[in-house]
Amino acid sequence: MLKSSRYRQNYACASIHCLKHFSALPVSYICSVLEALLKDSIFFEQNHTILGLIPSCHFEGTSLVQKETEAKILSLMEEMQLCAGLSNDFPDLYLLRTYYFQAEAAIDNGQLYAPGQRLYVFSDYALYEMIVNSFGGFPIEAYFPAGFRRLLEHDRDSEVSYLDTLSVFLEENMSYAKAARRLFIHRSTLIERMARILQELSFDTEDPDKRLQLQIVLKALQIESQVHGQQND
């Protein structure tokens, strides 16, 4: 089946998990229903999950037919207690293994950061996956730039978060006007606060490499905080 489909068009890989015990899952029925709903798709059992190859044309546009098909698929997943991860699209089916791992990563990240949904798309969690896997086994603290710990110490004893201020400032491409609006403070207040933050950091945020390192660390801390929040809930 895979050889006959190769090079015809781009595909996305779907990995479908059962939220209940797999032995109760009518695999053949689900595969046949999905293949009927998604023309030219292929679904089969793989490692106690269902693996699907879906032509990328099914994800293009916003036609009424596609919306109806999506509603039917979500209804089936709800009825059967399923959730799915969807990879990016790809042209060569010999790359299927890589994109299968993308679909699996979409489920892993989705259930961690957005539990309760039925469909998780890898592109929504690609940055999470990239950052979590970028530390090479080192703790986040090993990548703190110079002066970063002083910002953490400040935030422990203050109602004003230097880290939140810095994150917003960088997200707004270092625009004082845009960052001040997002933080609901006056521009002059932000200028004074950023001057203190940059003094503590002791490096030039105009350096794009240093700025990127700082943004990755801030995002990693945000992800870590989000995971802890989900676990506490």
C-alpha atoms as a PDB file:
ATOM      1  CA  MET A   1       0.000   0.000   0.000  1.00  0.00           C
ATOM      2  CA  LEU A   2       2.786   2.402   0.890  1.00  0.00           C
ATOM      3  CA  LYS A   3       4.770   1.724  -2.286  1.00  0.00           C
ATOM      4  CA  SER A   4       1.727   2.262  -4.478  1.00  0.00           C
ATOM      5  CA  SER A   5       1.007   5.589  -2.783  1.00  0.00           C
ATOM      6  CA  ARG A   6       4.551   6.943  -2.864  1.00  0.00           C
ATOM      7  CA  TYR A   7       5.166  10.213  -4.742  1.00  0.00           C
ATOM      8  CA  ARG A   8       1.498  10.744  -5.590  1.00  0.00           C
ATOM      9  CA  GLN A   9       1.115  13.717  -3.282  1.00  0.00           C
ATOM     10  CA  ASN A  10       2.031  15.028   0.137  1.00  0.00           C
ATOM     11  CA  TYR A  11       0.752  13.208   3.203  1.00  0.00           C
ATOM     12  CA  ALA A  12       0.388  13.850   6.912  1.00  0.00           C
ATOM     13  CA  CYS A  13       0.835  11.064   9.428  1.00  0.00           C
ATOM     14  CA  ALA A  14      -1.807  10.545  12.095  1.00  0.00           C
ATOM     15  CA  SER A  15      -1.336   8.498  15.251  1.00  0.00           C
ATOM     16  CA  ILE A  16      -4.577   7.587  17.005  1.00  0.00           C
ATOM     17  CA  HIS A  17      -4.595   6.469  20.632  1.00  0.00           C
ATOM     18  CA  CYS A  18      -7.403   5.005  22.656  1.00  0.00           C
ATOM     19  CA  LEU A  19      -8.023   6.709  25.985  1.00  0.00           C
ATOM     20  CA  LYS A  20      -9.383   3.393  27.255  1.00  0.00           C
ATOM     21  CA  HIS A  21      -7.808  -0.067  27.094  1.00  0.00           C
ATOM     22  CA  PHE A  22      -6.717  -0.912  23.557  1.00  0.00           C
ATOM     23  CA  SER A  23      -8.205  -4.431  23.608  1.00  0.00           C
ATOM     24  CA  ALA A  24     -11.693  -2.899  23.545  1.00  0.00           C
ATOM     25  CA  LEU A  25     -10.942  -0.832  20.433  1.00  0.00           C
ATOM     26  CA  PRO A  26     -12.602  -1.987  17.167  1.00  0.00           C
ATOM     27  CA  VAL A  27      -9.550  -1.242  15.039  1.00  0.00           C
ATOM     28  CA  SER A  28     -10.861  -2.554  11.695  1.00  0.00           C
ATOM     29  CA  TYR A  29     -14.096  -0.596  12.056  1.00  0.00           C
ATOM     30  CA  ILE A  30     -12.343   2.686  12.920  1.00  0.00           C
ATOM     31  CA  CYS A  31      -9.852   2.272  10.052  1.00  0.00           C
ATOM     32  CA  SER A  32     -12.620   1.618   7.529  1.00  0.00           C
ATOM     33  CA  VAL A  33     -14.704   4.585   8.731  1.00  0.00           C
ATOM     34  CA  LEU A  34     -11.732   6.965   8.547  1.00  0.00           C
ATOM     35  CA  GLU A  35     -10.715   5.699   5.112  1.00  0.00           C
ATOM     36  CA  ALA A  36     -14.274   6.294   3.899  1.00  0.00           C
ATOM     37  CA  LEU A  37     -14.282   9.830   5.311  1.00  0.00           C
ATOM     38  CA  LEU A  38     -10.789  10.717   4.049  1.00  0.00           C
ATOM     39  CA  LYS A  39     -10.440   9.714   0.404  1.00  0.00           C
ATOM     40  CA  ASP A  40      -7.149   7.963  -0.561  1.00  0.00           C
ATOM     41  CA  SER A  41      -6.066   7.694   3.087  1.00  0.00           C
ATOM     42  CA  ILE A  42      -4.600   4.541   4.651  1.00  0.00           C
ATOM     43  CA  PHE A  43      -5.125   3.445   8.280  1.00  0.00           C
ATOM     44  CA  PHE A  44      -3.773   0.363  10.033  1.00  0.00           C
ATOM     45  CA  GLU A  45      -2.789  -0.919  13.470  1.00  0.00           C
ATOM     46  CA  GLN A  46       0.718  -0.008  14.639  1.00  0.00           C
ATOM     47  CA  ASN A  47       2.273  -0.610  18.073  1.00  0.00           C
ATOM     48  CA  HIS A  48      -1.066  -0.665  19.921  1.00  0.00           C
ATOM     49  CA  THR A  49      -2.184   2.498  18.143  1.00  0.00           C
ATOM     50  CA  ILE A  50      -3.742   3.256  14.771  1.00  0.00           C
ATOM     51  CA  LEU A  51      -1.435   4.844  12.217  1.00  0.00           C
ATOM     52  CA  GLY A  52      -2.874   6.848   9.365  1.00  0.00           C
ATOM     53  CA  LEU A  53      -1.557   8.387   6.156  1.00  0.00           C
ATOM     54  CA  ILE A  54      -3.809  11.234   5.073  1.00  0.00           C
ATOM     55  CA  PRO A  55      -3.374  13.185   1.802  1.00  0.00           C
ATOM     56  CA  SER A  56      -2.563  16.777   2.688  1.00  0.00           C
ATOM     57  CA  CYS A  57      -5.351  18.035   0.399  1.00  0.00           C
ATOM     58  CA  HIS A  58      -7.754  17.200   3.238  1.00  0.00           C
ATOM     59  CA  PHE A  59      -6.197  19.974   5.342  1.00  0.00           C
ATOM     60  CA  GLU A  60      -6.297  22.714   2.713  1.00  0.00           C
ATOM     61  CA  GLY A  61      -9.017  25.354   2.549  1.00  0.00           C
ATOM     62  CA  THR A  62     -12.114  25.750   4.688  1.00  0.00           C
ATOM     63  CA  SER A  63     -14.855  24.309   2.500  1.00  0.00           C
ATOM     64  CA  LEU A  64     -18.145  23.170   4.001  1.00  0.00           C
ATOM     65  CA  VAL A  65     -17.376  19.569   2.979  1.00  0.00           C
ATOM     66  CA  GLN A  66     -14.103  19.621   4.898  1.00  0.00           C
ATOM     67  CA  LYS A  67     -15.800  21.122   7.954  1.00  0.00           C
ATOM     68  CA  GLU A  68     -18.469  18.432   7.856  1.00  0.00           C
ATOM     69  CA  THR A  69     -15.814  15.736   7.530  1.00  0.00           C
ATOM     70  CA  GLU A  70     -13.873  17.194  10.442  1.00  0.00           C
ATOM     71  CA  ALA A  71     -17.036  17.233  12.564  1.00  0.00           C
ATOM     72  CA  LYS A  72     -17.713  13.570  11.732  1.00  0.00           C
ATOM     73  CA  ILE A  73     -14.150  12.577  12.632  1.00  0.00           C
ATOM     74  CA  LEU A  74     -14.269  14.438  15.945  1.00  0.00           C
ATOM     75  CA  SER A  75     -17.650  12.848  16.683  1.00  0.00           C
ATOM     76  CA  LEU A  76     -16.177   9.385  16.030  1.00  0.00           C
ATOM     77  CA  MET A  77     -13.195  10.125  18.267  1.00  0.00           C
ATOM     78  CA  GLU A  78     -15.480  11.340  21.027  1.00  0.00           C
ATOM     79  CA  GLU A  79     -17.709   8.270  20.742  1.00  0.00           C
ATOM     80  CA  MET A  80     -14.772   5.839  20.712  1.00  0.00           C
ATOM     81  CA  GLN A  81     -12.762   7.736  23.361  1.00  0.00           C
ATOM     82  CA  LEU A  82      -9.869   8.409  20.988  1.00  0.00           C
ATOM     83  CA  CYS A  83      -7.302  11.160  20.621  1.00  0.00           C
ATOM     84  CA  ALA A  84      -5.001  11.783  17.680  1.00  0.00           C
ATOM     85  CA  GLY A  85      -1.708  13.445  16.863  1.00  0.00           C
ATOM     86  CA  LEU A  86      -1.099  14.865  13.394  1.00  0.00           C
ATOM     87  CA  SER A  87       2.321  15.442  11.825  1.00  0.00           C
ATOM     88  CA  ASN A  88       3.447  18.077   9.355  1.00  0.00           C
ATOM     89  CA  ASP A  89       2.901  17.079   5.746  1.00  0.00           C
ATOM     90  CA  PHE A  90       5.716  15.386   3.805  1.00  0.00           C
ATOM     91  CA  PRO A  91       6.309  14.213   0.206  1.00  0.00           C
ATOM     92  CA  ASP A  92       8.296  10.977   0.588  1.00  0.00           C
ATOM     93  CA  LEU A  93       6.739   8.001   2.372  1.00  0.00           C
ATOM     94  CA  TYR A  94      10.202   6.642   3.155  1.00  0.00           C
ATOM     95  CA  LEU A  95      10.280   9.467   5.717  1.00  0.00           C
ATOM     96  CA  LEU A  96       7.197   8.059   7.424  1.00  0.00           C
ATOM     97  CA  ARG A  97       9.072   6.988  10.564  1.00  0.00           C
ATOM     98  CA  THR A  98      10.181  10.578  11.271  1.00  0.00           C
ATOM     99  CA  TYR A  99       6.683  11.958  10.817  1.00  0.00           C
ATOM    100  CA  TYR A 100       5.164   9.146  12.849  1.00  0.00           C
ATOM    101  CA  PHE A 101       7.357  10.356  15.714  1.00  0.00           C
ATOM    102  CA  GLN A 102       6.025  13.876  15.067  1.00  0.00           C
ATOM    103  CA  ALA A 103       2.453  12.612  15.440  1.00  0.00           C
ATOM    104  CA  GLU A 104       3.400  10.797  18.655  1.00  0.00           C
ATOM    105  CA  ALA A 105       5.126  13.923  19.982  1.00  0.00           C
ATOM    106  CA  ALA A 106       1.991  15.940  19.195  1.00  0.00           C
ATOM    107  CA  ILE A 107      -0.049  13.643  21.444  1.00  0.00           C
ATOM    108  CA  ASP A 108       2.575  13.610  24.212  1.00  0.00           C
ATOM    109  CA  ASN A 109       2.837  17.406  24.276  1.00  0.00           C
ATOM    110  CA  GLY A 110      -0.855  18.001  23.699  1.00  0.00           C
ATOM    111  CA  GLN A 111      -1.981  15.814  26.567  1.00  0.00           C
ATOM    112  CA  LEU A 112       0.557  17.544  28.781  1.00  0.00           C
ATOM    113  CA  TYR A 113      -0.173  21.157  27.865  1.00  0.00           C
ATOM    114  CA  ALA A 114      -3.788  20.988  26.647  1.00  0.00           C
ATOM    115  CA  PRO A 115      -5.444  17.920  28.181  1.00  0.00           C
ATOM    116  CA  GLY A 116      -8.982  17.113  27.164  1.00  0.00           C
ATOM    117  CA  GLN A 117      -8.681  17.842  23.453  1.00  0.00           C
ATOM    118  CA  ARG A 118      -9.184  15.166  20.790  1.00  0.00           C
ATOM    119  CA  LEU A 119      -6.781  16.341  18.079  1.00  0.00           C
ATOM    120  CA  TYR A 120      -3.235  17.572  18.583  1.00  0.00           C
ATOM    121  CA  VAL A 121      -1.229  19.036  15.687  1.00  0.00           C
ATOM    122  CA  PHE A 122       2.561  18.832  15.810  1.00  0.00           C
ATOM    123  CA  SER A 123       3.053  22.333  14.419  1.00  0.00           C
ATOM    124  CA  ASP A 124       1.281  23.703  17.510  1.00  0.00           C
ATOM    125  CA  TYR A 125       3.864  22.037  19.764  1.00  0.00           C
ATOM    126  CA  ALA A 126       7.003  22.069  17.594  1.00  0.00           C
ATOM    127  CA  LEU A 127       8.597  24.864  19.639  1.00  0.00           C
ATOM    128  CA  TYR A 128       7.840  23.019  22.895  1.00  0.00           C
ATOM    129  CA  GLU A 129       9.409  19.837  21.516  1.00  0.00           C
ATOM    130  CA  MET A 130      12.442  21.713  20.202  1.00  0.00           C
ATOM    131  CA  ILE A 131      13.119  23.525  23.465  1.00  0.00           C
ATOM    132  CA  VAL A 132      12.562  20.524  25.734  1.00  0.00           C
ATOM    133  CA  ASN A 133      15.012  18.468  23.654  1.00  0.00           C
ATOM    134  CA  SER A 134      17.603  21.224  23.235  1.00  0.00           C
ATOM    135  CA  PHE A 135      19.175  21.059  26.687  1.00  0.00           C
ATOM    136  CA  GLY A 136      21.131  17.850  26.147  1.00  0.00           C
ATOM    137  CA  GLY A 137      20.416  16.483  29.618  1.00  0.00           C
ATOM    138  CA  PHE A 138      21.578  19.647  31.403  1.00  0.00           C
ATOM    139  CA  PRO A 139      19.183  21.450  33.749  1.00  0.00           C
ATOM    140  CA  ILE A 140      17.804  24.771  32.532  1.00  0.00           C
ATOM    141  CA  GLU A 141      19.972  26.578  35.076  1.00  0.00           C
ATOM    142  CA  ALA A 142      23.098  25.523  33.167  1.00  0.00           C
ATOM    143  CA  TYR A 143      22.051  27.814  30.317  1.00  0.00           C
ATOM    144  CA  PHE A 144      21.219  30.916  32.346  1.00  0.00           C
ATOM    145  CA  PRO A 145      23.006  33.923  30.816  1.00  0.00           C
ATOM    146  CA  ALA A 146      25.060  36.269  32.983  1.00  0.00           C
ATOM    147  CA  GLY A 147      22.987  38.054  35.610  1.00  0.00           C
ATOM    148  CA  PHE A 148      19.858  35.962  35.011  1.00  0.00           C
ATOM    149  CA  ARG A 149      19.839  34.565  38.552  1.00  0.00           C
ATOM    150  CA  ARG A 150      19.629  38.127  39.908  1.00  0.00           C
ATOM    151  CA  LEU A 151      16.355  38.559  38.014  1.00  0.00           C
ATOM    152  CA  LEU A 152      15.014  35.363  39.593  1.00  0.00           C
ATOM    153  CA  GLU A 153      16.048  36.573  43.039  1.00  0.00           C
ATOM    154  CA  HIS A 154      14.295  39.894  42.428  1.00  0.00           C
ATOM    155  CA  ASP A 155      11.053  38.170  41.379  1.00  0.00           C
ATOM    156  CA  ARG A 156      10.979  36.038  44.527  1.00  0.00           C
ATOM    157  CA  ASP A 157      10.710  39.148  46.712  1.00  0.00           C
ATOM    158  CA  SER A 158       8.790  41.566  44.491  1.00  0.00           C
ATOM    159  CA  GLU A 159       5.272  41.956  43.132  1.00  0.00           C
ATOM    160  CA  VAL A 160       6.777  43.258  39.878  1.00  0.00           C
ATOM    161  CA  SER A 161       8.164  40.424  37.738  1.00  0.00           C
ATOM    162  CA  TYR A 162      11.314  41.290  35.863  1.00  0.00           C
ATOM    163  CA  LEU A 163      11.076  38.002  33.943  1.00  0.00           C
ATOM    164  CA  ASP A 164       7.538  38.745  32.709  1.00  0.00           C
ATOM    165  CA  THR A 165       8.598  42.261  31.749  1.00  0.00           C
ATOM    166  CA  LEU A 166      11.635  40.971  29.886  1.00  0.00           C
ATOM    167  CA  SER A 167       9.618  38.259  28.098  1.00  0.00           C
ATOM    168  CA  VAL A 168       7.041  40.732  26.836  1.00  0.00           C
ATOM    169  CA  PHE A 169       9.747  43.218  25.804  1.00  0.00           C
ATOM    170  CA  LEU A 170      11.533  40.570  23.707  1.00  0.00           C
ATOM    171  CA  GLU A 171       8.280  39.189  22.262  1.00  0.00           C
ATOM    172  CA  GLU A 172       7.456  42.701  21.062  1.00  0.00           C
ATOM    173  CA  ASN A 173      10.849  42.939  19.313  1.00  0.00           C
ATOM    174  CA  MET A 174      12.153  45.325  21.975  1.00  0.00           C
ATOM    175  CA  SER A 175       9.489  47.940  21.212  1.00  0.00           C
ATOM    176  CA  TYR A 176       8.912  50.005  24.351  1.00  0.00           C
ATOM    177  CA  ALA A 177       5.567  51.307  23.111  1.00  0.00           C
ATOM    178  CA  LYS A 178       4.091  47.875  22.267  1.00  0.00           C
ATOM    179  CA  ALA A 179       5.492  46.205  25.386  1.00  0.00           C
ATOM    180  CA  ALA A 180       4.167  48.983  27.630  1.00  0.00           C
ATOM    181  CA  ARG A 181       0.672  48.547  26.170  1.00  0.00           C
ATOM    182  CA  ARG A 182       0.750  44.802  26.807  1.00  0.00           C
ATOM    183  CA  LEU A 183       1.976  45.325  30.377  1.00  0.00           C
ATOM    184  CA  PHE A 184      -0.548  48.124  31.040  1.00  0.00           C
ATOM    185  CA  ILE A 185       2.144  50.495  32.247  1.00  0.00           C
ATOM    186  CA  HIS A 186       3.410  53.861  31.057  1.00  0.00           C
ATOM    187  CA  ARG A 187       6.242  53.835  28.517  1.00  0.00           C
ATOM    188  CA  SER A 188       8.523  55.810  30.843  1.00  0.00           C
ATOM    189  CA  THR A 189       7.916  53.241  33.602  1.00  0.00           C
ATOM    190  CA  LEU A 190       8.922  50.447  31.246  1.00  0.00           C
ATOM    191  CA  ILE A 191      12.057  52.315  30.157  1.00  0.00           C
ATOM    192  CA  GLU A 192      13.157  52.686  33.788  1.00  0.00           C
ATOM    193  CA  ARG A 193      12.333  49.059  34.594  1.00  0.00           C
ATOM    194  CA  MET A 194      14.155  47.719  31.518  1.00  0.00           C
ATOM    195  CA  ALA A 195      17.192  49.829  32.367  1.00  0.00           C
ATOM    196  CA  ARG A 196      17.405  48.040  35.745  1.00  0.00           C
ATOM    197  CA  ILE A 197      16.836  44.640  34.113  1.00  0.00           C
ATOM    198  CA  LEU A 198      19.518  45.178  31.471  1.00  0.00           C
ATOM    199  CA  GLN A 199      21.934  46.396  34.125  1.00  0.00           C
ATOM    200  CA  GLU A 200      21.422  43.133  36.038  1.00  0.00           C
ATOM    201  CA  LEU A 201      21.871  40.994  32.924  1.00  0.00           C
ATOM    202  CA  SER A 202      25.286  42.439  32.151  1.00  0.00           C
ATOM    203  CA  PHE A 203      25.206  41.668  28.425  1.00  0.00           C
ATOM    204  CA  ASP A 204      24.025  43.361  25.267  1.00  0.00           C
ATOM    205  CA  THR A 205      20.520  42.303  24.196  1.00  0.00           C
ATOM    206  CA  GLU A 206      21.264  43.825  20.782  1.00  0.00           C
ATOM    207  CA  ASP A 207      23.419  40.724  20.168  1.00  0.00           C
ATOM    208  CA  PRO A 208      20.984  38.395  18.310  1.00  0.00           C
ATOM    209  CA  ASP A 209      22.652  35.204  19.598  1.00  0.00           C
ATOM    210  CA  LYS A 210      22.488  36.335  23.223  1.00  0.00           C
ATOM    211  CA  ARG A 211      18.910  37.482  22.729  1.00  0.00           C
ATOM    212  CA  LEU A 212      17.938  34.109  21.258  1.00  0.00           C
ATOM    213  CA  GLN A 213      19.562  32.271  24.180  1.00  0.00           C
ATOM    214  CA  LEU A 214      17.646  34.478  26.589  1.00  0.00           C
ATOM    215  CA  GLN A 215      14.341  33.862  24.807  1.00  0.00           C
ATOM    216  CA  ILE A 216      14.888  30.083  24.814  1.00  0.00           C
ATOM    217  CA  VAL A 217      15.615  30.098  28.546  1.00  0.00           C
ATOM    218  CA  LEU A 218      12.539  32.237  29.242  1.00  0.00           C
ATOM    219  CA  LYS A 219      10.360  29.956  27.120  1.00  0.00           C
ATOM    220  CA  ALA A 220      11.774  26.861  28.832  1.00  0.00           C
ATOM    221  CA  LEU A 221      10.920  28.323  32.242  1.00  0.00           C
ATOM    222  CA  GLN A 222       7.415  29.115  30.990  1.00  0.00           C
ATOM    223  CA  ILE A 223       6.970  25.513  29.799  1.00  0.00           C
ATOM    224  CA  GLU A 224       8.299  24.165  33.096  1.00  0.00           C
ATOM    225  CA  SER A 225       5.876  26.383  35.030  1.00  0.00           C
ATOM    226  CA  GLN A 226       2.992  25.263  32.823  1.00  0.00           C
ATOM    227  CA  VAL A 227       3.821  21.585  33.395  1.00  0.00           C
ATOM    228  CA  HIS A 228       3.993  22.068  37.151  1.00  0.00           C
ATOM    229  CA  GLY A 229       0.652  23.889  37.033  1.00  0.00           C
ATOM    230  CA  GLN A 230      -0.972  20.990  35.147  1.00  0.00           C
ATOM    231  CA  GLN A 231       0.467  18.473  37.604  1.00  0.00           C
ATOM    232  CA  ASN A 232      -0.809  20.447  40.588  1.00  0.00           C
ATOM    233  CA  ASP A 233      -4.278  20.607  39.038  1.00  0.00           C
END
